[in-house]
Amino acid sequence: MPRFDRHVFVCTNFRAPEAARPSCTANGQSEIHSRMKDAVRAAGLGERVRVNKSGCLDQCEHGPTVVVYPGAIWYGFVKPEDVSEIVAEHLVNGRPVERLRLPEGCLNTPSCPHRPLAPNTPA
């Protein structure tokens, strides 16, 4: 089998509703993951693009989250209806979907517009 051109990771992490941070799924099942696999297959990319379930990607406030490698293109607030656009534009045509990309300032930072300040953190 040839190596994959792209790897797509879809967060399927689940946390209890009372957890301090949100989950990307309500029950550990992801309609985004299943739609992404189907759309990749339908686009004829099944041999070149691998779609994987992922545990927590630590972007909980931006979820559901999807990341595409190579390139480390992070998508946030992804809805099932966004999947076809990600596949057509990014995976087929090589153009990331800018409207879904997470800003660099939101990745792996203690705060961003989507993440509330931790208790006792100065504003």
PDB file of N, CA and C in Angstrom:
ATOM      1  N   MET A   1       0.849  -1.185   0.000  1.00  0.00           N
ATOM      2  CA  MET A   1       0.000   0.000   0.000  1.00  0.00           C
ATOM      3  C   MET A   1       0.891   1.243   0.000  1.00  0.00           C
ATOM      4  N   PRO A   2       0.617   2.219  -0.863  1.00  0.00           N
ATOM      5  CA  PRO A   2       1.412   3.444  -0.877  1.00  0.00           C
ATOM      6  C   PRO A   2       1.141   4.276   0.372  1.00  0.00           C
ATOM      7  N   ARG A   3       2.062   5.150   0.656  1.00  0.00           N
ATOM      8  CA  ARG A   3       1.861   6.025   1.819  1.00  0.00           C
ATOM      9  C   ARG A   3       0.709   6.982   1.543  1.00  0.00           C
ATOM     10  N   PHE A   4       0.147   7.513   2.605  1.00  0.00           N
ATOM     11  CA  PHE A   4      -0.966   8.455   2.464  1.00  0.00           C
ATOM     12  C   PHE A   4      -0.434   9.846   2.167  1.00  0.00           C
ATOM     13  N   ASP A   5      -1.143  10.579   1.309  1.00  0.00           N
ATOM     14  CA  ASP A   5      -0.797  11.966   1.019  1.00  0.00           C
ATOM     15  C   ASP A   5      -1.228  12.882   2.157  1.00  0.00           C
ATOM     16  N   ARG A   6      -2.348  12.538   2.763  1.00  0.00           N
ATOM     17  CA  ARG A   6      -2.874  13.347   3.872  1.00  0.00           C
ATOM     18  C   ARG A   6      -3.460  12.445   4.943  1.00  0.00           C
ATOM     19  N   HIS A   7      -3.378  12.947   6.157  1.00  0.00           N
ATOM     20  CA  HIS A   7      -3.998  12.306   7.307  1.00  0.00           C
ATOM     21  C   HIS A   7      -4.966  13.304   7.920  1.00  0.00           C
ATOM     22  N   VAL A   8      -6.193  12.885   8.151  1.00  0.00           N
ATOM     23  CA  VAL A   8      -7.226  13.735   8.741  1.00  0.00           C
ATOM     24  C   VAL A   8      -7.587  13.142  10.097  1.00  0.00           C
ATOM     25  N   PHE A   9      -7.480  13.964  11.130  1.00  0.00           N
ATOM     26  CA  PHE A   9      -7.846  13.522  12.479  1.00  0.00           C
ATOM     27  C   PHE A   9      -9.091  14.286  12.912  1.00  0.00           C
ATOM     28  N   VAL A  10     -10.108  13.540  13.321  1.00  0.00           N
ATOM     29  CA  VAL A  10     -11.385  14.108  13.760  1.00  0.00           C
ATOM     30  C   VAL A  10     -11.530  13.813  15.239  1.00  0.00           C
ATOM     31  N   CYS A  11     -11.615  14.854  16.049  1.00  0.00           N
ATOM     32  CA  CYS A  11     -11.751  14.647  17.495  1.00  0.00           C
ATOM     33  C   CYS A  11     -13.107  14.002  17.793  1.00  0.00           C
ATOM     34  N   THR A  12     -13.058  12.915  18.544  1.00  0.00           N
ATOM     35  CA  THR A  12     -14.280  12.237  18.979  1.00  0.00           C
ATOM     36  C   THR A  12     -14.329  12.163  20.506  1.00  0.00           C
ATOM     37  N   ASN A  13     -13.603  13.064  21.151  1.00  0.00           N
ATOM     38  CA  ASN A  13     -13.538  13.045  22.607  1.00  0.00           C
ATOM     39  C   ASN A  13     -14.909  13.334  23.228  1.00  0.00           C
ATOM     40  N   PHE A  14     -15.177  12.653  24.335  1.00  0.00           N
ATOM     41  CA  PHE A  14     -16.422  12.840  25.078  1.00  0.00           C
ATOM     42  C   PHE A  14     -16.086  13.179  26.522  1.00  0.00           C
ATOM     43  N   ARG A  15     -16.751  14.188  27.048  1.00  0.00           N
ATOM     44  CA  ARG A  15     -16.676  14.536  28.467  1.00  0.00           C
ATOM     45  C   ARG A  15     -18.096  14.635  29.000  1.00  0.00           C
ATOM     46  N   ALA A  16     -18.232  14.405  30.267  1.00  0.00           N
ATOM     47  CA  ALA A  16     -19.537  14.547  30.911  1.00  0.00           C
ATOM     48  C   ALA A  16     -20.005  15.996  30.783  1.00  0.00           C
ATOM     49  N   PRO A  17     -21.313  16.213  30.702  1.00  0.00           N
ATOM     50  CA  PRO A  17     -21.834  17.582  30.538  1.00  0.00           C
ATOM     51  C   PRO A  17     -21.361  18.551  31.622  1.00  0.00           C
ATOM     52  N   GLU A  18     -21.066  18.058  32.814  1.00  0.00           N
ATOM     53  CA  GLU A  18     -20.647  18.950  33.898  1.00  0.00           C
ATOM     54  C   GLU A  18     -19.138  19.207  33.920  1.00  0.00           C
ATOM     55  N   ALA A  19     -18.401  18.692  32.952  1.00  0.00           N
ATOM     56  CA  ALA A  19     -16.945  18.888  32.893  1.00  0.00           C
ATOM     57  C   ALA A  19     -16.614  20.363  32.686  1.00  0.00           C
ATOM     58  N   ALA A  20     -15.419  20.742  33.104  1.00  0.00           N
ATOM     59  CA  ALA A  20     -14.989  22.136  33.002  1.00  0.00           C
ATOM     60  C   ALA A  20     -14.816  22.592  31.549  1.00  0.00           C
ATOM     61  N   ARG A  21     -14.472  21.672  30.664  1.00  0.00           N
ATOM     62  CA  ARG A  21     -14.294  22.009  29.258  1.00  0.00           C
ATOM     63  C   ARG A  21     -15.293  21.213  28.431  1.00  0.00           C
ATOM     64  N   PRO A  22     -15.695  21.743  27.281  1.00  0.00           N
ATOM     65  CA  PRO A  22     -16.666  21.033  26.443  1.00  0.00           C
ATOM     66  C   PRO A  22     -16.051  19.838  25.714  1.00  0.00           C
ATOM     67  N   SER A  23     -16.893  19.046  25.104  1.00  0.00           N
ATOM     68  CA  SER A  23     -16.479  17.889  24.306  1.00  0.00           C
ATOM     69  C   SER A  23     -16.715  18.181  22.837  1.00  0.00           C
ATOM     70  N   CYS A  24     -16.011  17.427  21.997  1.00  0.00           N
ATOM     71  CA  CYS A  24     -16.272  17.526  20.557  1.00  0.00           C
ATOM     72  C   CYS A  24     -17.454  16.662  20.155  1.00  0.00           C
ATOM     73  N   THR A  25     -17.830  15.695  20.998  1.00  0.00           N
ATOM     74  CA  THR A  25     -19.004  14.869  20.723  1.00  0.00           C
ATOM     75  C   THR A  25     -19.849  14.753  21.980  1.00  0.00           C
ATOM     76  N   ALA A  26     -21.109  14.458  21.777  1.00  0.00           N
ATOM     77  CA  ALA A  26     -22.011  14.282  22.915  1.00  0.00           C
ATOM     78  C   ALA A  26     -21.917  12.883  23.493  1.00  0.00           C
ATOM     79  N   ASN A  27     -21.421  11.921  22.696  1.00  0.00           N
ATOM     80  CA  ASN A  27     -21.429  10.543  23.168  1.00  0.00           C
ATOM     81  C   ASN A  27     -20.234   9.724  22.670  1.00  0.00           C
ATOM     82  N   GLY A  28     -19.214  10.378  22.136  1.00  0.00           N
ATOM     83  CA  GLY A  28     -18.056   9.663  21.608  1.00  0.00           C
ATOM     84  C   GLY A  28     -18.235   9.210  20.170  1.00  0.00           C
ATOM     85  N   GLN A  29     -19.413   9.412  19.609  1.00  0.00           N
ATOM     86  CA  GLN A  29     -19.675   9.091  18.205  1.00  0.00           C
ATOM     87  C   GLN A  29     -19.635  10.392  17.416  1.00  0.00           C
ATOM     88  N   SER A  30     -19.090  10.349  16.235  1.00  0.00           N
ATOM     89  CA  SER A  30     -18.942  11.571  15.463  1.00  0.00           C
ATOM     90  C   SER A  30     -19.528  11.425  14.071  1.00  0.00           C
ATOM     91  N   GLU A  31     -20.579  12.175  13.821  1.00  0.00           N
ATOM     92  CA  GLU A  31     -21.146  12.206  12.473  1.00  0.00           C
ATOM     93  C   GLU A  31     -20.129  12.812  11.504  1.00  0.00           C
ATOM     94  N   ILE A  32     -19.305  13.733  12.008  1.00  0.00           N
ATOM     95  CA  ILE A  32     -18.275  14.339  11.160  1.00  0.00           C
ATOM     96  C   ILE A  32     -17.302  13.270  10.689  1.00  0.00           C
ATOM     97  N   HIS A  33     -16.861  12.404  11.579  1.00  0.00           N
ATOM     98  CA  HIS A  33     -15.918  11.338  11.201  1.00  0.00           C
ATOM     99  C   HIS A  33     -16.521  10.414  10.157  1.00  0.00           C
ATOM    100  N   SER A  34     -17.723   9.951  10.384  1.00  0.00           N
ATOM    101  CA  SER A  34     -18.330   9.019   9.430  1.00  0.00           C
ATOM    102  C   SER A  34     -18.601   9.700   8.084  1.00  0.00           C
ATOM    103  N   ARG A  35     -19.056  10.946   8.096  1.00  0.00           N
ATOM    104  CA  ARG A  35     -19.273  11.667   6.836  1.00  0.00           C
ATOM    105  C   ARG A  35     -17.951  11.899   6.101  1.00  0.00           C
ATOM    106  N   MET A  36     -16.901  12.218   6.870  1.00  0.00           N
ATOM    107  CA  MET A  36     -15.595  12.464   6.260  1.00  0.00           C
ATOM    108  C   MET A  36     -15.084  11.203   5.574  1.00  0.00           C
ATOM    109  N   LYS A  37     -15.195  10.069   6.228  1.00  0.00           N
ATOM    110  CA  LYS A  37     -14.757   8.807   5.616  1.00  0.00           C
ATOM    111  C   LYS A  37     -15.537   8.536   4.331  1.00  0.00           C
ATOM    112  N   ASP A  38     -16.853   8.704   4.394  1.00  0.00           N
ATOM    113  CA  ASP A  38     -17.695   8.473   3.210  1.00  0.00           C
ATOM    114  C   ASP A  38     -17.351   9.442   2.080  1.00  0.00           C
ATOM    115  N   ALA A  39     -17.145  10.721   2.413  1.00  0.00           N
ATOM    116  CA  ALA A  39     -16.850  11.727   1.390  1.00  0.00           C
ATOM    117  C   ALA A  39     -15.481  11.508   0.760  1.00  0.00           C
ATOM    118  N   VAL A  40     -14.515  11.093   1.552  1.00  0.00           N
ATOM    119  CA  VAL A  40     -13.174  10.791   1.025  1.00  0.00           C
ATOM    120  C   VAL A  40     -13.259   9.613   0.063  1.00  0.00           C
ATOM    121  N   ARG A  41     -13.993   8.605   0.462  1.00  0.00           N
ATOM    122  CA  ARG A  41     -14.163   7.423  -0.406  1.00  0.00           C
ATOM    123  C   ARG A  41     -14.884   7.812  -1.698  1.00  0.00           C
ATOM    124  N   ALA A  42     -15.948   8.597  -1.582  1.00  0.00           N
ATOM    125  CA  ALA A  42     -16.729   9.008  -2.753  1.00  0.00           C
ATOM    126  C   ALA A  42     -15.918   9.878  -3.712  1.00  0.00           C
ATOM    127  N   ALA A  43     -14.951  10.629  -3.172  1.00  0.00           N
ATOM    128  CA  ALA A  43     -14.101  11.472  -4.009  1.00  0.00           C
ATOM    129  C   ALA A  43     -12.960  10.686  -4.641  1.00  0.00           C
ATOM    130  N   GLY A  44     -12.901   9.379  -4.364  1.00  0.00           N
ATOM    131  CA  GLY A  44     -11.847   8.548  -4.938  1.00  0.00           C
ATOM    132  C   GLY A  44     -10.508   8.714  -4.262  1.00  0.00           C
ATOM    133  N   LEU A  45     -10.529   9.200  -3.006  1.00  0.00           N
ATOM    134  CA  LEU A  45      -9.289   9.458  -2.275  1.00  0.00           C
ATOM    135  C   LEU A  45      -8.954   8.393  -1.246  1.00  0.00           C
ATOM    136  N   GLY A  46      -9.726   7.329  -1.214  1.00  0.00           N
ATOM    137  CA  GLY A  46      -9.566   6.319  -0.173  1.00  0.00           C
ATOM    138  C   GLY A  46      -8.178   5.727  -0.047  1.00  0.00           C
ATOM    139  N   GLU A  47      -7.428   5.672  -1.122  1.00  0.00           N
ATOM    140  CA  GLU A  47      -6.070   5.109  -1.088  1.00  0.00           C
ATOM    141  C   GLU A  47      -5.024   6.159  -0.723  1.00  0.00           C
ATOM    142  N   ARG A  48      -5.399   7.450  -0.795  1.00  0.00           N
ATOM    143  CA  ARG A  48      -4.424   8.517  -0.581  1.00  0.00           C
ATOM    144  C   ARG A  48      -4.650   9.345   0.672  1.00  0.00           C
ATOM    145  N   VAL A  49      -5.872   9.279   1.234  1.00  0.00           N
ATOM    146  CA  VAL A  49      -6.205  10.077   2.413  1.00  0.00           C
ATOM    147  C   VAL A  49      -6.726   9.148   3.494  1.00  0.00           C
ATOM    148  N   ARG A  50      -6.153   9.253   4.669  1.00  0.00           N
ATOM    149  CA  ARG A  50      -6.574   8.437   5.813  1.00  0.00           C
ATOM    150  C   ARG A  50      -7.340   9.327   6.776  1.00  0.00           C
ATOM    151  N   VAL A  51      -8.540   8.904   7.161  1.00  0.00           N
ATOM    152  CA  VAL A  51      -9.369   9.626   8.128  1.00  0.00           C
ATOM    153  C   VAL A  51      -9.405   8.804   9.404  1.00  0.00           C
ATOM    154  N   ASN A  52      -8.942   9.418  10.507  1.00  0.00           N
ATOM    155  CA  ASN A  52      -8.869   8.737  11.788  1.00  0.00           C
ATOM    156  C   ASN A  52      -9.698   9.443  12.852  1.00  0.00           C
ATOM    157  N   LYS A  53     -10.226   8.665  13.778  1.00  0.00           N
ATOM    158  CA  LYS A  53     -10.804   9.220  14.994  1.00  0.00           C
ATOM    159  C   LYS A  53      -9.629   9.618  15.879  1.00  0.00           C
ATOM    160  N   SER A  54      -9.821  10.684  16.604  1.00  0.00           N
ATOM    161  CA  SER A  54      -8.793  11.132  17.528  1.00  0.00           C
ATOM    162  C   SER A  54      -9.409  11.318  18.902  1.00  0.00           C
ATOM    163  N   GLY A  55      -8.588  11.116  19.914  1.00  0.00           N
ATOM    164  CA  GLY A  55      -8.967  11.523  21.257  1.00  0.00           C
ATOM    165  C   GLY A  55      -8.833  13.040  21.321  1.00  0.00           C
ATOM    166  N   CYS A  56      -8.800  13.572  22.501  1.00  0.00           N
ATOM    167  CA  CYS A  56      -8.755  15.020  22.694  1.00  0.00           C
ATOM    168  C   CYS A  56      -7.554  15.641  21.984  1.00  0.00           C
ATOM    169  N   LEU A  57      -7.822  16.676  21.207  1.00  0.00           N
ATOM    170  CA  LEU A  57      -6.786  17.441  20.520  1.00  0.00           C
ATOM    171  C   LEU A  57      -6.469  18.733  21.270  1.00  0.00           C
ATOM    172  N   ASP A  58      -7.045  18.893  22.460  1.00  0.00           N
ATOM    173  CA  ASP A  58      -6.839  20.037  23.348  1.00  0.00           C
ATOM    174  C   ASP A  58      -7.261  21.364  22.719  1.00  0.00           C
ATOM    175  N   GLN A  59      -8.266  21.305  21.908  1.00  0.00           N
ATOM    176  CA  GLN A  59      -8.858  22.515  21.327  1.00  0.00           C
ATOM    177  C   GLN A  59     -10.355  22.506  21.631  1.00  0.00           C
ATOM    178  N   CYS A  60     -10.690  22.100  22.841  1.00  0.00           N
ATOM    179  CA  CYS A  60     -12.065  21.807  23.243  1.00  0.00           C
ATOM    180  C   CYS A  60     -13.047  22.955  23.002  1.00  0.00           C
ATOM    181  N   GLU A  61     -12.622  24.167  23.260  1.00  0.00           N
ATOM    182  CA  GLU A  61     -13.510  25.314  23.068  1.00  0.00           C
ATOM    183  C   GLU A  61     -13.761  25.614  21.593  1.00  0.00           C
ATOM    184  N   HIS A  62     -13.036  24.946  20.716  1.00  0.00           N
ATOM    185  CA  HIS A  62     -13.171  25.154  19.281  1.00  0.00           C
ATOM    186  C   HIS A  62     -13.858  23.979  18.595  1.00  0.00           C
ATOM    187  N   GLY A  63     -14.363  23.063  19.385  1.00  0.00           N
ATOM    188  CA  GLY A  63     -14.875  21.831  18.820  1.00  0.00           C
ATOM    189  C   GLY A  63     -16.241  21.938  18.194  1.00  0.00           C
ATOM    190  N   PRO A  64     -16.529  20.962  17.398  1.00  0.00           N
ATOM    191  CA  PRO A  64     -15.701  19.847  16.966  1.00  0.00           C
ATOM    192  C   PRO A  64     -14.494  20.316  16.135  1.00  0.00           C
ATOM    193  N   THR A  65     -13.371  19.637  16.385  1.00  0.00           N
ATOM    194  CA  THR A  65     -12.102  20.001  15.780  1.00  0.00           C
ATOM    195  C   THR A  65     -11.632  18.925  14.819  1.00  0.00           C
ATOM    196  N   VAL A  66     -11.043  19.367  13.703  1.00  0.00           N
ATOM    197  CA  VAL A  66     -10.455  18.486  12.698  1.00  0.00           C
ATOM    198  C   VAL A  66      -9.086  19.063  12.360  1.00  0.00           C
ATOM    199  N   VAL A  67      -8.070  18.198  12.223  1.00  0.00           N
ATOM    200  CA  VAL A  67      -6.753  18.669  11.800  1.00  0.00           C
ATOM    201  C   VAL A  67      -6.279  17.806  10.636  1.00  0.00           C
ATOM    202  N   VAL A  68      -5.677  18.463   9.640  1.00  0.00           N
ATOM    203  CA  VAL A  68      -5.202  17.780   8.438  1.00  0.00           C
ATOM    204  C   VAL A  68      -3.687  17.935   8.358  1.00  0.00           C
ATOM    205  N   TYR A  69      -3.011  16.798   8.192  1.00  0.00           N
ATOM    206  CA  TYR A  69      -1.559  16.771   7.985  1.00  0.00           C
ATOM    207  C   TYR A  69      -1.268  16.173   6.624  1.00  0.00           C
ATOM    208  N   PRO A  70      -0.168  16.562   5.945  1.00  0.00           N
ATOM    209  CA  PRO A  70       0.787  17.570   6.407  1.00  0.00           C
ATOM    210  C   PRO A  70       0.190  18.967   6.301  1.00  0.00           C
ATOM    211  N   GLY A  71       0.867  19.868   6.902  1.00  0.00           N
ATOM    212  CA  GLY A  71       0.444  21.252   6.887  1.00  0.00           C
ATOM    213  C   GLY A  71      -0.141  21.711   8.202  1.00  0.00           C
ATOM    214  N   ALA A  72      -0.570  20.772   9.039  1.00  0.00           N
ATOM    215  CA  ALA A  72      -1.178  21.120  10.327  1.00  0.00           C
ATOM    216  C   ALA A  72      -2.244  22.196  10.152  1.00  0.00           C
ATOM    217  N   ILE A  73      -3.221  21.905   9.311  1.00  0.00           N
ATOM    218  CA  ILE A  73      -4.342  22.816   9.087  1.00  0.00           C
ATOM    219  C   ILE A  73      -5.431  22.436  10.084  1.00  0.00           C
ATOM    220  N   TRP A  74      -5.694  23.336  11.010  1.00  0.00           N
ATOM    221  CA  TRP A  74      -6.675  23.104  12.074  1.00  0.00           C
ATOM    222  C   TRP A  74      -7.996  23.761  11.723  1.00  0.00           C
ATOM    223  N   TYR A  75      -9.049  22.963  11.791  1.00  0.00           N
ATOM    224  CA  TYR A  75     -10.402  23.454  11.583  1.00  0.00           C
ATOM    225  C   TYR A  75     -11.162  23.384  12.895  1.00  0.00           C
ATOM    226  N   GLY A  76     -11.970  24.412  13.148  1.00  0.00           N
ATOM    227  CA  GLY A  76     -12.766  24.426  14.364  1.00  0.00           C
ATOM    228  C   GLY A  76     -14.222  24.717  14.083  1.00  0.00           C
ATOM    229  N   PHE A  77     -15.035  24.348  15.059  1.00  0.00           N
ATOM    230  CA  PHE A  77     -16.483  24.558  14.978  1.00  0.00           C
ATOM    231  C   PHE A  77     -17.057  23.873  13.739  1.00  0.00           C
ATOM    232  N   VAL A  78     -16.484  22.720  13.394  1.00  0.00           N
ATOM    233  CA  VAL A  78     -16.881  21.996  12.186  1.00  0.00           C
ATOM    234  C   VAL A  78     -18.253  21.361  12.393  1.00  0.00           C
ATOM    235  N   LYS A  79     -19.099  21.521  11.401  1.00  0.00           N
ATOM    236  CA  LYS A  79     -20.425  20.907  11.406  1.00  0.00           C
ATOM    237  C   LYS A  79     -20.444  19.809  10.346  1.00  0.00           C
ATOM    238  N   PRO A  80     -21.319  18.824  10.509  1.00  0.00           N
ATOM    239  CA  PRO A  80     -21.386  17.763   9.496  1.00  0.00           C
ATOM    240  C   PRO A  80     -21.542  18.304   8.072  1.00  0.00           C
ATOM    241  N   GLU A  81     -22.293  19.383   7.916  1.00  0.00           N
ATOM    242  CA  GLU A  81     -22.492  19.933   6.577  1.00  0.00           C
ATOM    243  C   GLU A  81     -21.238  20.610   6.006  1.00  0.00           C
ATOM    244  N   ASP A  82     -20.192  20.809   6.818  1.00  0.00           N
ATOM    245  CA  ASP A  82     -18.932  21.384   6.337  1.00  0.00           C
ATOM    246  C   ASP A  82     -18.010  20.346   5.700  1.00  0.00           C
ATOM    247  N   VAL A  83     -18.288  19.086   5.945  1.00  0.00           N
ATOM    248  CA  VAL A  83     -17.394  18.014   5.510  1.00  0.00           C
ATOM    249  C   VAL A  83     -17.192  18.017   3.998  1.00  0.00           C
ATOM    250  N   SER A  84     -18.248  18.145   3.227  1.00  0.00           N
ATOM    251  CA  SER A  84     -18.100  18.088   1.774  1.00  0.00           C
ATOM    252  C   SER A  84     -17.210  19.219   1.265  1.00  0.00           C
ATOM    253  N   GLU A  85     -17.281  20.386   1.886  1.00  0.00           N
ATOM    254  CA  GLU A  85     -16.432  21.507   1.484  1.00  0.00           C
ATOM    255  C   GLU A  85     -14.967  21.241   1.830  1.00  0.00           C
ATOM    256  N   ILE A  86     -14.708  20.681   2.997  1.00  0.00           N
ATOM    257  CA  ILE A  86     -13.327  20.344   3.379  1.00  0.00           C
ATOM    258  C   ILE A  86     -12.753  19.325   2.401  1.00  0.00           C
ATOM    259  N   VAL A  87     -13.532  18.316   2.067  1.00  0.00           N
ATOM    260  CA  VAL A  87     -13.041  17.285   1.141  1.00  0.00           C
ATOM    261  C   VAL A  87     -12.803  17.886  -0.245  1.00  0.00           C
ATOM    262  N   ALA A  88     -13.791  18.601  -0.784  1.00  0.00           N
ATOM    263  CA  ALA A  88     -13.665  19.144  -2.137  1.00  0.00           C
ATOM    264  C   ALA A  88     -12.559  20.183  -2.240  1.00  0.00           C
ATOM    265  N   GLU A  89     -12.528  21.117  -1.332  1.00  0.00           N
ATOM    266  CA  GLU A  89     -11.566  22.213  -1.433  1.00  0.00           C
ATOM    267  C   GLU A  89     -10.172  21.819  -0.961  1.00  0.00           C
ATOM    268  N   HIS A  90     -10.093  21.236   0.230  1.00  0.00           N
ATOM    269  CA  HIS A  90      -8.776  20.960   0.802  1.00  0.00           C
ATOM    270  C   HIS A  90      -8.186  19.640   0.309  1.00  0.00           C
ATOM    271  N   LEU A  91      -8.931  18.573   0.445  1.00  0.00           N
ATOM    272  CA  LEU A  91      -8.360  17.263   0.138  1.00  0.00           C
ATOM    273  C   LEU A  91      -8.260  16.991  -1.357  1.00  0.00           C
ATOM    274  N   VAL A  92      -9.196  17.504  -2.150  1.00  0.00           N
ATOM    275  CA  VAL A  92      -9.137  17.304  -3.598  1.00  0.00           C
ATOM    276  C   VAL A  92      -8.304  18.397  -4.263  1.00  0.00           C
ATOM    277  N   ASN A  93      -8.592  19.666  -3.941  1.00  0.00           N
ATOM    278  CA  ASN A  93      -7.971  20.785  -4.648  1.00  0.00           C
ATOM    279  C   ASN A  93      -6.798  21.443  -3.929  1.00  0.00           C
ATOM    280  N   GLY A  94      -6.509  21.006  -2.693  1.00  0.00           N
ATOM    281  CA  GLY A  94      -5.342  21.523  -1.983  1.00  0.00           C
ATOM    282  C   GLY A  94      -5.480  22.930  -1.439  1.00  0.00           C
ATOM    283  N   ARG A  95      -6.722  23.421  -1.324  1.00  0.00           N
ATOM    284  CA  ARG A  95      -6.960  24.765  -0.802  1.00  0.00           C
ATOM    285  C   ARG A  95      -7.686  24.668   0.537  1.00  0.00           C
ATOM    286  N   PRO A  96      -7.007  24.977   1.657  1.00  0.00           N
ATOM    287  CA  PRO A  96      -7.694  24.936   2.949  1.00  0.00           C
ATOM    288  C   PRO A  96      -8.940  25.822   2.945  1.00  0.00           C
ATOM    289  N   VAL A  97      -9.912  25.424   3.721  1.00  0.00           N
ATOM    290  CA  VAL A  97     -11.168  26.168   3.838  1.00  0.00           C
ATOM    291  C   VAL A  97     -10.969  27.241   4.902  1.00  0.00           C
ATOM    292  N   GLU A  98     -10.669  28.447   4.443  1.00  0.00           N
ATOM    293  CA  GLU A  98     -10.279  29.530   5.349  1.00  0.00           C
ATOM    294  C   GLU A  98     -11.352  29.864   6.384  1.00  0.00           C
ATOM    295  N   ARG A  99     -12.607  29.806   6.013  1.00  0.00           N
ATOM    296  CA  ARG A  99     -13.666  30.195   6.958  1.00  0.00           C
ATOM    297  C   ARG A  99     -13.748  29.258   8.161  1.00  0.00           C
ATOM    298  N   LEU A 100     -13.181  28.052   8.050  1.00  0.00           N
ATOM    299  CA  LEU A 100     -13.219  27.085   9.148  1.00  0.00           C
ATOM    300  C   LEU A 100     -11.895  26.981   9.901  1.00  0.00           C
ATOM    301  N   ARG A 101     -10.850  27.592   9.370  1.00  0.00           N
ATOM    302  CA  ARG A 101      -9.531  27.485  10.005  1.00  0.00           C
ATOM    303  C   ARG A 101      -9.512  28.200  11.343  1.00  0.00           C
ATOM    304  N   LEU A 102      -8.855  27.575  12.293  1.00  0.00           N
ATOM    305  CA  LEU A 102      -8.649  28.220  13.584  1.00  0.00           C
ATOM    306  C   LEU A 102      -7.500  29.206  13.460  1.00  0.00           C
ATOM    307  N   PRO A 103      -7.645  30.393  14.026  1.00  0.00           N
ATOM    308  CA  PRO A 103      -6.553  31.354  13.989  1.00  0.00           C
ATOM    309  C   PRO A 103      -5.338  30.824  14.753  1.00  0.00           C
ATOM    310  N   GLU A 104      -4.143  31.139  14.268  1.00  0.00           N
ATOM    311  CA  GLU A 104      -2.921  30.700  14.937  1.00  0.00           C
ATOM    312  C   GLU A 104      -2.924  31.108  16.410  1.00  0.00           C
ATOM    313  N   GLY A 105      -3.467  32.272  16.728  1.00  0.00           N
ATOM    314  CA  GLY A 105      -3.496  32.753  18.098  1.00  0.00           C
ATOM    315  C   GLY A 105      -4.389  31.951  19.024  1.00  0.00           C
ATOM    316  N   CYS A 106      -5.154  31.017  18.480  1.00  0.00           N
ATOM    317  CA  CYS A 106      -6.027  30.179  19.303  1.00  0.00           C
ATOM    318  C   CYS A 106      -5.436  28.788  19.545  1.00  0.00           C
ATOM    319  N   LEU A 107      -4.385  28.441  18.835  1.00  0.00           N
ATOM    320  CA  LEU A 107      -3.820  27.096  18.957  1.00  0.00           C
ATOM    321  C   LEU A 107      -2.779  27.030  20.062  1.00  0.00           C
ATOM    322  N   ASN A 108      -3.005  26.112  20.997  1.00  0.00           N
ATOM    323  CA  ASN A 108      -2.054  25.850  22.081  1.00  0.00           C
ATOM    324  C   ASN A 108      -1.671  27.107  22.849  1.00  0.00           C
ATOM    325  N   THR A 109      -2.654  27.929  23.134  1.00  0.00           N
ATOM    326  CA  THR A 109      -2.444  29.131  23.933  1.00  0.00           C
ATOM    327  C   THR A 109      -3.354  29.063  25.151  1.00  0.00           C
ATOM    328  N   PRO A 110      -2.945  29.708  26.239  1.00  0.00           N
ATOM    329  CA  PRO A 110      -3.786  29.644  27.441  1.00  0.00           C
ATOM    330  C   PRO A 110      -5.099  30.392  27.297  1.00  0.00           C
ATOM    331  N   SER A 111      -5.161  31.342  26.360  1.00  0.00           N
ATOM    332  CA  SER A 111      -6.421  32.054  26.184  1.00  0.00           C
ATOM    333  C   SER A 111      -6.556  32.517  24.744  1.00  0.00           C
ATOM    334  N   CYS A 112      -7.786  32.616  24.331  1.00  0.00           N
ATOM    335  CA  CYS A 112      -8.142  33.159  23.026  1.00  0.00           C
ATOM    336  C   CYS A 112      -9.599  33.608  23.165  1.00  0.00           C
ATOM    337  N   PRO A 113     -10.165  34.217  22.152  1.00  0.00           N
ATOM    338  CA  PRO A 113     -11.549  34.691  22.292  1.00  0.00           C
ATOM    339  C   PRO A 113     -12.560  33.592  22.616  1.00  0.00           C
ATOM    340  N   HIS A 114     -12.211  32.335  22.338  1.00  0.00           N
ATOM    341  CA  HIS A 114     -13.141  31.231  22.569  1.00  0.00           C
ATOM    342  C   HIS A 114     -12.933  30.534  23.904  1.00  0.00           C
ATOM    343  N   ARG A 115     -11.815  30.798  24.546  1.00  0.00           N
ATOM    344  CA  ARG A 115     -11.469  30.092  25.777  1.00  0.00           C
ATOM    345  C   ARG A 115     -11.574  31.051  26.955  1.00  0.00           C
ATOM    346  N   PRO A 116     -12.416  30.727  27.914  1.00  0.00           N
ATOM    347  CA  PRO A 116     -12.533  31.618  29.081  1.00  0.00           C
ATOM    348  C   PRO A 116     -11.231  31.601  29.881  1.00  0.00           C
ATOM    349  N   LEU A 117     -10.979  32.713  30.563  1.00  0.00           N
ATOM    350  CA  LEU A 117      -9.796  32.766  31.416  1.00  0.00           C
ATOM    351  C   LEU A 117      -9.929  31.790  32.570  1.00  0.00           C
ATOM    352  N   ALA A 118      -8.819  31.172  32.913  1.00  0.00           N
ATOM    353  CA  ALA A 118      -8.818  30.267  34.057  1.00  0.00           C
ATOM    354  C   ALA A 118      -8.988  31.099  35.332  1.00  0.00           C
ATOM    355  N   PRO A 119      -9.552  30.492  36.393  1.00  0.00           N
ATOM    356  CA  PRO A 119      -9.702  31.220  37.652  1.00  0.00           C
ATOM    357  C   PRO A 119      -8.348  31.758  38.103  1.00  0.00           C
ATOM    358  N   ASN A 120      -8.353  32.952  38.695  1.00  0.00           N
ATOM    359  CA  ASN A 120      -7.160  33.621  39.212  1.00  0.00           C
ATOM    360  C   ASN A 120      -6.163  33.998  38.121  1.00  0.00           C
ATOM    361  N   THR A 121      -6.614  34.099  36.877  1.00  0.00           N
ATOM    362  CA  THR A 121      -5.758  34.541  35.793  1.00  0.00           C
ATOM    363  C   THR A 121      -6.038  36.009  35.538  1.00  0.00           C
ATOM    364  N   PRO A 122      -4.999  36.853  35.564  1.00  0.00           N
ATOM    365  CA  PRO A 122      -5.268  38.284  35.297  1.00  0.00           C
ATOM    366  C   PRO A 122      -5.764  38.473  33.866  1.00  0.00           C
ATOM    367  N   ALA A 123      -6.655  39.421  33.706  1.00  0.00           N
ATOM    368  CA  ALA A 123      -7.224  39.709  32.383  1.00  0.00           C
ATOM    369  C   ALA A 123      -6.239  40.436  31.506  1.00  0.00           C
TER     370      ALA A 123
END
